[in-house]
Amino acid sequence: MSSNSLSNFEGQIGQAMLLSQIDLRRVSSKQKQIFLHANLAALVSCWETFVKSIAAEFNDNLMRTTDHNLIQSISISKVMAKRIVSRVNTLNYDNSREIILVCTGYDPISDWLWPAKSLNSTQVKAFLDEILSVRHSFAHGFAMKRFNWNEDARGNVCLSKNTVVLVKDFFRHLGNVTDRQLAQSIRNRFNGTASW
């Protein structure tokens, strides 16, 4: 079972991926890039919503306790969480990690790996920040930076459907890992039962 945040995240990803189902063979190269950038931007938005939502859901889940001292601590944590979330504009790796860590006490650094793609935590950090950089270039009309994942066979910097699927799979993986570890944290650290 997954959290409401993860279920919503999966639904939002499904909606975002509708853009990738458009037949792009009949549009110009420039139009194709616009669709693919919009798809990537939608996936980034899904990630940002998930991170903020899971932090709040974690604390709401802990509020079900009968331990009054814990309830007071959680109330303080919820106020801090709202402050952090309101001041963070872009959820790059460091900001995503900070929200999870400060709002839940769980540090995802050792779990945010991607074994299926042989990425360690440093490489996951770099990939997440690169994705945000590409989204930023699209949102503000800058030239997209070159990374090893956004380059075609001819060496052109561009996005492809495969790139968008890679980003989707990456965010899904991080979401699932985070969700699973936060449920475990509720069980192990707080002797509670996660609602998911």
N, C-alpha and C. Protein backbone atom coordinates (compact mmCIF):
# COMPACT_ATOMS: atom_id res chain seq x y z
N MET A 1 0.84 -1.17 0.00
CA MET A 1 0.00 0.00 0.00
C MET A 1 0.89 1.24 0.00
N SER A 2 0.43 2.28 -0.61
CA SER A 2 1.22 3.51 -0.68
C SER A 2 0.46 4.65 -0.02
N SER A 3 1.19 5.72 0.26
CA SER A 3 0.58 6.91 0.85
C SER A 3 -0.36 7.58 -0.15
N ASN A 4 -1.22 8.44 0.35
CA ASN A 4 -2.07 9.23 -0.54
C ASN A 4 -1.20 10.10 -1.44
N SER A 5 -0.10 10.59 -0.88
CA SER A 5 0.80 11.45 -1.65
C SER A 5 1.37 10.70 -2.84
N LEU A 6 1.80 9.44 -2.62
CA LEU A 6 2.36 8.66 -3.72
C LEU A 6 1.27 8.30 -4.73
N SER A 7 0.09 7.96 -4.27
CA SER A 7 -1.01 7.65 -5.19
C SER A 7 -1.34 8.85 -6.06
N ASN A 8 -1.41 10.03 -5.44
CA ASN A 8 -1.66 11.25 -6.21
C ASN A 8 -0.53 11.53 -7.19
N PHE A 9 0.69 11.31 -6.73
CA PHE A 9 1.88 11.50 -7.56
C PHE A 9 1.80 10.62 -8.81
N GLU A 10 1.46 9.37 -8.61
CA GLU A 10 1.33 8.44 -9.75
C GLU A 10 0.26 8.92 -10.72
N GLY A 11 -0.86 9.38 -10.18
CA GLY A 11 -1.93 9.90 -11.04
C GLY A 11 -1.49 11.14 -11.81
N GLN A 12 -0.76 12.02 -11.13
CA GLN A 12 -0.27 13.24 -11.79
C GLN A 12 0.75 12.90 -12.88
N ILE A 13 1.60 11.92 -12.61
CA ILE A 13 2.56 11.48 -13.62
C ILE A 13 1.83 10.94 -14.84
N GLY A 14 0.78 10.17 -14.60
CA GLY A 14 -0.02 9.65 -15.71
C GLY A 14 -0.59 10.79 -16.56
N GLN A 15 -1.08 11.82 -15.89
CA GLN A 15 -1.59 12.99 -16.62
C GLN A 15 -0.47 13.69 -17.39
N ALA A 16 0.67 13.86 -16.75
CA ALA A 16 1.80 14.53 -17.40
C ALA A 16 2.26 13.75 -18.63
N MET A 17 2.21 12.44 -18.55
CA MET A 17 2.70 11.62 -19.66
C MET A 17 1.73 11.59 -20.84
N LEU A 18 0.54 12.15 -20.69
CA LEU A 18 -0.36 12.26 -21.85
C LEU A 18 0.29 13.09 -22.95
N LEU A 19 1.13 14.04 -22.56
CA LEU A 19 1.82 14.84 -23.56
C LEU A 19 2.73 13.99 -24.44
N SER A 20 3.27 12.92 -23.88
CA SER A 20 4.19 12.07 -24.66
C SER A 20 3.44 11.16 -25.62
N GLN A 21 2.13 11.09 -25.50
CA GLN A 21 1.35 10.24 -26.39
C GLN A 21 0.93 10.95 -27.67
N ILE A 22 1.23 12.23 -27.74
CA ILE A 22 0.92 12.98 -28.96
C ILE A 22 1.84 12.51 -30.07
N ASP A 23 1.27 12.32 -31.26
CA ASP A 23 2.06 11.90 -32.42
C ASP A 23 2.91 13.08 -32.88
N LEU A 24 4.19 13.05 -32.55
CA LEU A 24 5.07 14.16 -32.85
C LEU A 24 5.73 14.06 -34.23
N ARG A 25 5.39 13.03 -34.99
CA ARG A 25 5.98 12.88 -36.33
C ARG A 25 5.47 13.94 -37.29
N ARG A 26 4.33 14.54 -36.98
CA ARG A 26 3.72 15.49 -37.90
C ARG A 26 3.93 16.95 -37.50
N VAL A 27 4.80 17.16 -36.55
CA VAL A 27 5.06 18.55 -36.12
C VAL A 27 6.52 18.88 -36.40
N SER A 28 6.79 20.15 -36.43
CA SER A 28 8.17 20.58 -36.70
C SER A 28 9.08 20.18 -35.53
N SER A 29 10.36 20.19 -35.77
CA SER A 29 11.34 19.86 -34.75
C SER A 29 11.21 20.81 -33.56
N LYS A 30 10.99 22.08 -33.84
CA LYS A 30 10.84 23.07 -32.77
C LYS A 30 9.59 22.79 -31.94
N GLN A 31 8.47 22.48 -32.61
CA GLN A 31 7.24 22.16 -31.88
C GLN A 31 7.41 20.89 -31.04
N LYS A 32 8.12 19.93 -31.60
CA LYS A 32 8.38 18.68 -30.86
C LYS A 32 9.13 18.98 -29.57
N GLN A 33 10.14 19.84 -29.64
CA GLN A 33 10.91 20.19 -28.45
C GLN A 33 10.04 20.91 -27.41
N ILE A 34 9.13 21.74 -27.88
CA ILE A 34 8.22 22.44 -26.96
C ILE A 34 7.34 21.44 -26.22
N PHE A 35 6.77 20.47 -26.94
CA PHE A 35 5.96 19.44 -26.29
C PHE A 35 6.78 18.64 -25.27
N LEU A 36 7.98 18.26 -25.67
CA LEU A 36 8.82 17.45 -24.77
C LEU A 36 9.28 18.25 -23.55
N HIS A 37 9.59 19.53 -23.74
CA HIS A 37 9.95 20.38 -22.60
C HIS A 37 8.76 20.54 -21.67
N ALA A 38 7.58 20.73 -22.24
CA ALA A 38 6.38 20.86 -21.41
C ALA A 38 6.14 19.58 -20.63
N ASN A 39 6.39 18.43 -21.25
CA ASN A 39 6.25 17.15 -20.57
C ASN A 39 7.23 17.04 -19.41
N LEU A 40 8.49 17.42 -19.64
CA LEU A 40 9.49 17.39 -18.58
C LEU A 40 9.12 18.37 -17.46
N ALA A 41 8.66 19.56 -17.81
CA ALA A 41 8.26 20.54 -16.80
C ALA A 41 7.10 20.01 -15.96
N ALA A 42 6.16 19.31 -16.59
CA ALA A 42 5.03 18.73 -15.85
C ALA A 42 5.52 17.66 -14.88
N LEU A 43 6.50 16.86 -15.29
CA LEU A 43 7.05 15.83 -14.40
C LEU A 43 7.76 16.46 -13.20
N VAL A 44 8.49 17.54 -13.44
CA VAL A 44 9.14 18.26 -12.33
C VAL A 44 8.09 18.78 -11.36
N SER A 45 7.01 19.30 -11.89
CA SER A 45 5.93 19.80 -11.03
C SER A 45 5.33 18.66 -10.20
N CYS A 46 5.19 17.48 -10.79
CA CYS A 46 4.69 16.32 -10.05
C CYS A 46 5.62 16.00 -8.87
N TRP A 47 6.93 16.02 -9.12
CA TRP A 47 7.91 15.74 -8.08
C TRP A 47 7.80 16.77 -6.95
N GLU A 48 7.75 18.03 -7.31
CA GLU A 48 7.67 19.09 -6.30
C GLU A 48 6.42 18.94 -5.44
N THR A 49 5.30 18.64 -6.07
CA THR A 49 4.05 18.44 -5.33
C THR A 49 4.16 17.24 -4.40
N PHE A 50 4.77 16.16 -4.88
CA PHE A 50 4.92 14.97 -4.05
C PHE A 50 5.75 15.26 -2.81
N VAL A 51 6.90 15.89 -2.97
CA VAL A 51 7.79 16.15 -1.84
C VAL A 51 7.06 16.96 -0.77
N LYS A 52 6.39 18.01 -1.18
CA LYS A 52 5.67 18.85 -0.21
C LYS A 52 4.52 18.08 0.44
N SER A 53 3.85 17.28 -0.35
CA SER A 53 2.69 16.54 0.14
C SER A 53 3.08 15.41 1.10
N ILE A 54 4.14 14.67 0.78
CA ILE A 54 4.52 13.53 1.63
C ILE A 54 5.03 14.03 2.98
N ALA A 55 5.68 15.18 2.99
CA ALA A 55 6.15 15.74 4.27
C ALA A 55 4.96 16.07 5.16
N ALA A 56 3.94 16.67 4.59
CA ALA A 56 2.73 17.01 5.37
C ALA A 56 1.99 15.75 5.79
N GLU A 57 1.87 14.78 4.89
CA GLU A 57 1.15 13.55 5.22
C GLU A 57 1.86 12.77 6.32
N PHE A 58 3.17 12.77 6.31
CA PHE A 58 3.94 12.10 7.35
C PHE A 58 3.55 12.65 8.72
N ASN A 59 3.56 13.98 8.85
CA ASN A 59 3.22 14.61 10.13
C ASN A 59 1.75 14.39 10.50
N ASP A 60 0.87 14.45 9.53
CA ASP A 60 -0.55 14.18 9.80
C ASP A 60 -0.73 12.76 10.31
N ASN A 61 0.05 11.84 9.76
CA ASN A 61 -0.03 10.45 10.17
C ASN A 61 0.42 10.28 11.63
N LEU A 62 1.47 11.01 12.01
CA LEU A 62 1.96 10.92 13.39
C LEU A 62 0.98 11.54 14.39
N MET A 63 0.16 12.47 13.94
CA MET A 63 -0.80 13.13 14.83
C MET A 63 -1.86 12.17 15.36
N ARG A 64 -1.90 10.96 14.83
CA ARG A 64 -2.89 9.98 15.28
C ARG A 64 -2.48 9.33 16.60
N THR A 65 -1.34 9.71 17.12
CA THR A 65 -0.84 9.11 18.36
C THR A 65 -1.60 9.66 19.58
N THR A 66 -1.47 8.95 20.68
CA THR A 66 -2.06 9.43 21.94
C THR A 66 -0.98 10.05 22.83
N ASP A 67 0.26 10.04 22.38
CA ASP A 67 1.37 10.62 23.12
C ASP A 67 1.34 12.14 22.98
N HIS A 68 0.94 12.83 24.07
CA HIS A 68 0.75 14.28 24.02
C HIS A 68 2.06 15.04 23.78
N ASN A 69 3.17 14.53 24.29
CA ASN A 69 4.46 15.18 24.03
C ASN A 69 4.81 15.10 22.54
N LEU A 70 4.53 13.97 21.94
CA LEU A 70 4.80 13.82 20.51
C LEU A 70 3.88 14.73 19.70
N ILE A 71 2.64 14.86 20.11
CA ILE A 71 1.71 15.74 19.41
C ILE A 71 2.21 17.19 19.44
N GLN A 72 2.73 17.62 20.58
CA GLN A 72 3.26 18.99 20.67
C GLN A 72 4.47 19.16 19.74
N SER A 73 5.34 18.17 19.71
CA SER A 73 6.52 18.24 18.83
C SER A 73 6.11 18.27 17.37
N ILE A 74 5.12 17.47 17.03
CA ILE A 74 4.65 17.42 15.65
C ILE A 74 4.01 18.75 15.26
N SER A 75 3.29 19.35 16.17
CA SER A 75 2.68 20.65 15.89
C SER A 75 3.75 21.69 15.56
N ILE A 76 4.84 21.67 16.31
CA ILE A 76 5.95 22.60 16.04
C ILE A 76 6.58 22.26 14.69
N SER A 77 6.75 20.97 14.43
CA SER A 77 7.34 20.53 13.17
C SER A 77 6.48 20.96 11.98
N LYS A 78 5.17 20.92 12.14
CA LYS A 78 4.28 21.31 11.03
C LYS A 78 4.42 22.80 10.72
N VAL A 79 4.60 23.61 11.75
CA VAL A 79 4.80 25.05 11.53
C VAL A 79 6.12 25.28 10.79
N MET A 80 7.17 24.59 11.23
CA MET A 80 8.47 24.70 10.56
C MET A 80 8.38 24.23 9.11
N ALA A 81 7.65 23.16 8.90
CA ALA A 81 7.50 22.61 7.55
C ALA A 81 6.84 23.62 6.62
N LYS A 82 5.81 24.28 7.11
CA LYS A 82 5.12 25.28 6.28
C LYS A 82 6.06 26.42 5.92
N ARG A 83 6.90 26.83 6.85
CA ARG A 83 7.85 27.90 6.58
C ARG A 83 8.86 27.49 5.51
N ILE A 84 9.39 26.30 5.65
CA ILE A 84 10.39 25.82 4.69
C ILE A 84 9.77 25.68 3.30
N VAL A 85 8.61 25.06 3.23
CA VAL A 85 7.95 24.85 1.95
C VAL A 85 7.62 26.17 1.28
N SER A 86 7.21 27.16 2.07
CA SER A 86 6.83 28.45 1.47
C SER A 86 8.03 29.24 0.94
N ARG A 87 9.21 29.01 1.51
CA ARG A 87 10.37 29.79 1.06
C ARG A 87 11.16 29.11 -0.06
N VAL A 88 10.88 27.84 -0.31
CA VAL A 88 11.60 27.11 -1.34
C VAL A 88 10.87 27.25 -2.67
N ASN A 89 11.59 27.73 -3.65
CA ASN A 89 11.01 27.96 -4.97
C ASN A 89 11.18 26.77 -5.89
N THR A 90 12.38 26.23 -5.94
CA THR A 90 12.70 25.12 -6.83
C THR A 90 13.20 23.95 -6.01
N LEU A 91 12.61 22.79 -6.25
CA LEU A 91 13.00 21.61 -5.47
C LEU A 91 14.11 20.83 -6.16
N ASN A 92 15.29 21.44 -6.17
CA ASN A 92 16.47 20.71 -6.62
C ASN A 92 16.78 19.64 -5.56
N TYR A 93 17.87 18.95 -5.71
CA TYR A 93 18.19 17.87 -4.79
C TYR A 93 18.29 18.37 -3.34
N ASP A 94 19.07 19.43 -3.14
CA ASP A 94 19.29 19.91 -1.77
C ASP A 94 17.99 20.39 -1.13
N ASN A 95 17.17 21.11 -1.88
CA ASN A 95 15.90 21.60 -1.32
C ASN A 95 14.92 20.46 -1.07
N SER A 96 14.87 19.48 -1.96
CA SER A 96 14.01 18.31 -1.75
C SER A 96 14.43 17.56 -0.50
N ARG A 97 15.72 17.34 -0.38
CA ARG A 97 16.26 16.63 0.78
C ARG A 97 15.98 17.42 2.06
N GLU A 98 16.18 18.73 2.03
CA GLU A 98 15.96 19.55 3.22
C GLU A 98 14.51 19.48 3.68
N ILE A 99 13.58 19.55 2.75
CA ILE A 99 12.16 19.47 3.14
C ILE A 99 11.86 18.13 3.79
N ILE A 100 12.32 17.04 3.18
CA ILE A 100 12.08 15.71 3.75
C ILE A 100 12.75 15.59 5.12
N LEU A 101 13.99 16.01 5.22
CA LEU A 101 14.74 15.88 6.46
C LEU A 101 14.15 16.72 7.59
N VAL A 102 13.93 17.98 7.33
CA VAL A 102 13.44 18.87 8.39
C VAL A 102 12.00 18.54 8.78
N CYS A 103 11.19 18.18 7.81
CA CYS A 103 9.77 17.94 8.09
C CYS A 103 9.48 16.56 8.66
N THR A 104 10.38 15.60 8.45
CA THR A 104 10.10 14.23 8.90
C THR A 104 11.19 13.64 9.79
N GLY A 105 12.38 14.21 9.75
CA GLY A 105 13.49 13.64 10.50
C GLY A 105 14.21 12.53 9.74
N TYR A 106 13.72 12.19 8.57
CA TYR A 106 14.32 11.14 7.75
C TYR A 106 15.23 11.78 6.71
N ASP A 107 16.48 11.34 6.65
CA ASP A 107 17.42 11.84 5.66
C ASP A 107 17.50 10.83 4.51
N PRO A 108 17.00 11.20 3.33
CA PRO A 108 16.95 10.25 2.22
C PRO A 108 18.27 10.04 1.48
N ILE A 109 19.33 10.72 1.90
CA ILE A 109 20.57 10.72 1.12
C ILE A 109 21.09 9.31 0.83
N SER A 110 21.02 8.42 1.78
CA SER A 110 21.57 7.07 1.55
C SER A 110 20.59 6.17 0.81
N ASP A 111 19.34 6.59 0.69
CA ASP A 111 18.33 5.79 -0.02
C ASP A 111 18.06 6.31 -1.42
N TRP A 112 18.42 7.56 -1.69
CA TRP A 112 18.19 8.11 -3.02
C TRP A 112 19.32 7.67 -3.95
N LEU A 113 19.25 6.39 -4.29
CA LEU A 113 20.14 5.74 -5.26
C LEU A 113 19.23 5.25 -6.37
N TRP A 114 19.81 4.89 -7.49
CA TRP A 114 19.00 4.30 -8.56
C TRP A 114 19.76 3.11 -9.11
N PRO A 115 19.66 1.96 -8.40
CA PRO A 115 20.42 0.76 -8.80
C PRO A 115 20.13 0.31 -10.23
N ALA A 116 18.90 0.46 -10.69
CA ALA A 116 18.55 0.01 -12.05
C ALA A 116 19.37 0.72 -13.12
N LYS A 117 19.81 1.93 -12.81
CA LYS A 117 20.63 2.71 -13.75
C LYS A 117 22.06 2.88 -13.23
N SER A 118 22.40 2.14 -12.18
CA SER A 118 23.74 2.17 -11.56
C SER A 118 24.14 3.58 -11.11
N LEU A 119 23.17 4.32 -10.55
CA LEU A 119 23.47 5.66 -10.05
C LEU A 119 23.59 5.64 -8.53
N ASN A 120 24.72 6.13 -8.04
CA ASN A 120 24.89 6.27 -6.59
C ASN A 120 24.26 7.60 -6.15
N SER A 121 24.36 7.92 -4.89
CA SER A 121 23.68 9.12 -4.38
C SER A 121 24.24 10.40 -5.00
N THR A 122 25.52 10.45 -5.27
CA THR A 122 26.12 11.63 -5.91
C THR A 122 25.59 11.80 -7.33
N GLN A 123 25.46 10.69 -8.05
CA GLN A 123 24.96 10.73 -9.42
C GLN A 123 23.46 11.06 -9.46
N VAL A 124 22.71 10.56 -8.48
CA VAL A 124 21.28 10.90 -8.38
C VAL A 124 21.13 12.40 -8.14
N LYS A 125 21.95 12.95 -7.25
CA LYS A 125 21.93 14.39 -6.98
C LYS A 125 22.19 15.17 -8.26
N ALA A 126 23.22 14.76 -8.99
CA ALA A 126 23.57 15.45 -10.23
C ALA A 126 22.45 15.35 -11.25
N PHE A 127 21.85 14.17 -11.39
CA PHE A 127 20.79 13.98 -12.37
C PHE A 127 19.56 14.83 -12.03
N LEU A 128 19.16 14.82 -10.77
CA LEU A 128 18.01 15.63 -10.36
C LEU A 128 18.28 17.11 -10.62
N ASP A 129 19.46 17.57 -10.28
CA ASP A 129 19.79 18.98 -10.51
C ASP A 129 19.88 19.31 -12.00
N GLU A 130 20.34 18.36 -12.80
CA GLU A 130 20.38 18.57 -14.25
C GLU A 130 18.97 18.68 -14.83
N ILE A 131 18.07 17.82 -14.36
CA ILE A 131 16.68 17.88 -14.81
C ILE A 131 16.09 19.25 -14.50
N LEU A 132 16.36 19.73 -13.28
CA LEU A 132 15.85 21.06 -12.89
C LEU A 132 16.48 22.15 -13.73
N SER A 133 17.72 21.99 -14.12
CA SER A 133 18.40 22.96 -14.97
C SER A 133 17.75 23.03 -16.35
N VAL A 134 17.42 21.87 -16.90
CA VAL A 134 16.75 21.82 -18.21
C VAL A 134 15.37 22.45 -18.11
N ARG A 135 14.64 22.14 -17.05
CA ARG A 135 13.32 22.74 -16.86
C ARG A 135 13.44 24.25 -16.73
N HIS A 136 14.44 24.69 -16.01
CA HIS A 136 14.68 26.13 -15.80
C HIS A 136 14.97 26.82 -17.15
N SER A 137 15.78 26.18 -17.97
CA SER A 137 16.11 26.79 -19.27
C SER A 137 14.85 26.94 -20.13
N PHE A 138 13.98 25.94 -20.08
CA PHE A 138 12.74 26.00 -20.84
C PHE A 138 11.82 27.10 -20.29
N ALA A 139 11.69 27.13 -18.98
CA ALA A 139 10.78 28.09 -18.34
C ALA A 139 11.21 29.54 -18.57
N HIS A 140 12.50 29.76 -18.70
CA HIS A 140 13.00 31.13 -18.81
C HIS A 140 13.59 31.46 -20.17
N GLY A 141 13.47 30.55 -21.13
CA GLY A 141 13.90 30.82 -22.49
C GLY A 141 15.39 30.81 -22.72
N PHE A 142 16.14 30.12 -21.84
CA PHE A 142 17.58 30.01 -22.01
C PHE A 142 17.92 28.81 -22.87
N ALA A 143 19.13 28.80 -23.39
CA ALA A 143 19.61 27.62 -24.11
C ALA A 143 19.78 26.47 -23.11
N MET A 144 19.40 25.29 -23.53
CA MET A 144 19.49 24.12 -22.66
C MET A 144 20.95 23.68 -22.56
N LYS A 145 21.38 23.40 -21.33
CA LYS A 145 22.74 22.89 -21.11
C LYS A 145 22.85 21.47 -21.63
N ARG A 146 24.06 21.10 -21.98
CA ARG A 146 24.35 19.76 -22.50
C ARG A 146 24.69 18.82 -21.33
N PHE A 147 23.97 17.71 -21.29
CA PHE A 147 24.26 16.64 -20.35
C PHE A 147 24.32 15.34 -21.15
N ASN A 148 24.81 14.28 -20.56
CA ASN A 148 24.95 13.04 -21.33
C ASN A 148 23.59 12.41 -21.67
N TRP A 149 22.52 12.83 -21.03
CA TRP A 149 21.20 12.24 -21.26
C TRP A 149 20.31 13.09 -22.18
N ASN A 150 20.73 14.30 -22.54
CA ASN A 150 19.88 15.14 -23.40
C ASN A 150 20.59 15.50 -24.71
N GLU A 151 21.29 14.53 -25.22
CA GLU A 151 22.05 14.71 -26.45
C GLU A 151 21.66 13.60 -27.42
N ASP A 152 21.38 13.96 -28.66
CA ASP A 152 21.04 12.93 -29.64
C ASP A 152 22.31 12.31 -30.25
N ALA A 153 22.13 11.37 -31.15
CA ALA A 153 23.26 10.64 -31.74
C ALA A 153 24.20 11.55 -32.52
N ARG A 154 23.67 12.67 -33.00
CA ARG A 154 24.50 13.62 -33.76
C ARG A 154 25.15 14.66 -32.86
N GLY A 155 24.92 14.57 -31.56
CA GLY A 155 25.54 15.51 -30.63
C GLY A 155 24.73 16.77 -30.39
N ASN A 156 23.49 16.80 -30.89
CA ASN A 156 22.62 17.97 -30.66
C ASN A 156 21.99 17.90 -29.28
N VAL A 157 21.91 19.03 -28.62
CA VAL A 157 21.24 19.10 -27.33
C VAL A 157 19.74 19.19 -27.59
N CYS A 158 19.02 18.17 -27.13
CA CYS A 158 17.57 18.14 -27.34
C CYS A 158 16.95 17.10 -26.42
N LEU A 159 15.64 17.11 -26.33
CA LEU A 159 14.91 16.10 -25.58
C LEU A 159 14.28 15.13 -26.56
N SER A 160 14.03 13.93 -26.09
CA SER A 160 13.35 12.91 -26.89
C SER A 160 12.31 12.25 -26.01
N LYS A 161 11.45 11.44 -26.62
CA LYS A 161 10.47 10.70 -25.82
C LYS A 161 11.19 9.79 -24.82
N ASN A 162 12.29 9.20 -25.25
CA ASN A 162 13.06 8.33 -24.35
C ASN A 162 13.60 9.10 -23.16
N THR A 163 14.02 10.33 -23.39
CA THR A 163 14.52 11.17 -22.30
C THR A 163 13.42 11.44 -21.29
N VAL A 164 12.24 11.76 -21.81
CA VAL A 164 11.10 12.06 -20.93
C VAL A 164 10.73 10.82 -20.12
N VAL A 165 10.74 9.66 -20.75
CA VAL A 165 10.45 8.40 -20.04
C VAL A 165 11.51 8.15 -18.97
N LEU A 166 12.77 8.42 -19.27
CA LEU A 166 13.84 8.27 -18.28
C LEU A 166 13.58 9.16 -17.07
N VAL A 167 13.20 10.40 -17.30
CA VAL A 167 12.91 11.33 -16.21
C VAL A 167 11.70 10.85 -15.40
N LYS A 168 10.67 10.38 -16.09
CA LYS A 168 9.48 9.84 -15.40
C LYS A 168 9.88 8.67 -14.50
N ASP A 169 10.65 7.73 -15.05
CA ASP A 169 11.07 6.56 -14.28
C ASP A 169 11.92 6.97 -13.08
N PHE A 170 12.76 7.95 -13.26
CA PHE A 170 13.61 8.46 -12.18
C PHE A 170 12.76 9.02 -11.05
N PHE A 171 11.83 9.90 -11.37
CA PHE A 171 10.98 10.49 -10.33
C PHE A 171 10.11 9.43 -9.66
N ARG A 172 9.59 8.49 -10.45
CA ARG A 172 8.79 7.41 -9.85
C ARG A 172 9.63 6.61 -8.86
N HIS A 173 10.85 6.32 -9.24
CA HIS A 173 11.73 5.55 -8.35
C HIS A 173 11.96 6.31 -7.05
N LEU A 174 12.34 7.59 -7.15
CA LEU A 174 12.58 8.38 -5.93
C LEU A 174 11.31 8.47 -5.08
N GLY A 175 10.17 8.64 -5.71
CA GLY A 175 8.91 8.71 -4.97
C GLY A 175 8.62 7.42 -4.22
N ASN A 176 8.81 6.28 -4.88
CA ASN A 176 8.56 4.99 -4.24
C ASN A 176 9.52 4.74 -3.08
N VAL A 177 10.79 5.04 -3.28
CA VAL A 177 11.78 4.85 -2.22
C VAL A 177 11.44 5.74 -1.02
N THR A 178 11.15 6.99 -1.27
CA THR A 178 10.84 7.93 -0.20
C THR A 178 9.59 7.49 0.56
N ASP A 179 8.57 7.11 -0.15
CA ASP A 179 7.32 6.66 0.45
C ASP A 179 7.55 5.45 1.35
N ARG A 180 8.27 4.48 0.82
CA ARG A 180 8.54 3.25 1.58
C ARG A 180 9.36 3.53 2.84
N GLN A 181 10.39 4.38 2.71
CA GLN A 181 11.26 4.66 3.85
C GLN A 181 10.53 5.50 4.92
N LEU A 182 9.65 6.39 4.50
CA LEU A 182 8.91 7.18 5.49
C LEU A 182 7.92 6.30 6.25
N ALA A 183 7.30 5.34 5.59
CA ALA A 183 6.42 4.40 6.29
C ALA A 183 7.22 3.59 7.30
N GLN A 184 8.41 3.17 6.90
CA GLN A 184 9.29 2.42 7.81
C GLN A 184 9.72 3.30 8.98
N SER A 185 9.98 4.56 8.72
CA SER A 185 10.37 5.49 9.78
C SER A 185 9.26 5.63 10.82
N ILE A 186 8.03 5.70 10.36
CA ILE A 186 6.90 5.79 11.30
C ILE A 186 6.86 4.55 12.18
N ARG A 187 7.09 3.40 11.58
CA ARG A 187 7.06 2.15 12.35
C ARG A 187 8.24 2.05 13.32
N ASN A 188 9.46 2.32 12.82
CA ASN A 188 10.66 2.07 13.61
C ASN A 188 10.98 3.18 14.61
N ARG A 189 10.86 4.43 14.19
CA ARG A 189 11.26 5.54 15.06
C ARG A 189 10.15 5.99 16.00
N PHE A 190 8.92 5.82 15.57
CA PHE A 190 7.80 6.36 16.36
C PHE A 190 6.87 5.26 16.87
N ASN A 191 7.23 3.98 16.63
CA ASN A 191 6.42 2.85 17.04
C ASN A 191 4.95 3.02 16.63
N GLY A 192 4.77 3.60 15.47
CA GLY A 192 3.42 3.82 14.97
C GLY A 192 3.13 2.94 13.78
N THR A 193 1.97 3.13 13.25
CA THR A 193 1.56 2.41 12.05
C THR A 193 1.24 3.44 10.99
N ALA A 194 1.93 3.34 9.89
CA ALA A 194 1.65 4.26 8.79
C ALA A 194 0.28 3.96 8.23
N SER A 195 -0.41 5.01 7.82
CA SER A 195 -1.73 4.80 7.22
C SER A 195 -1.61 4.24 5.82
N TRP A 196 -0.39 4.06 5.38
CA TRP A 196 -0.16 3.45 4.06
C TRP A 196 0.75 2.26 4.18
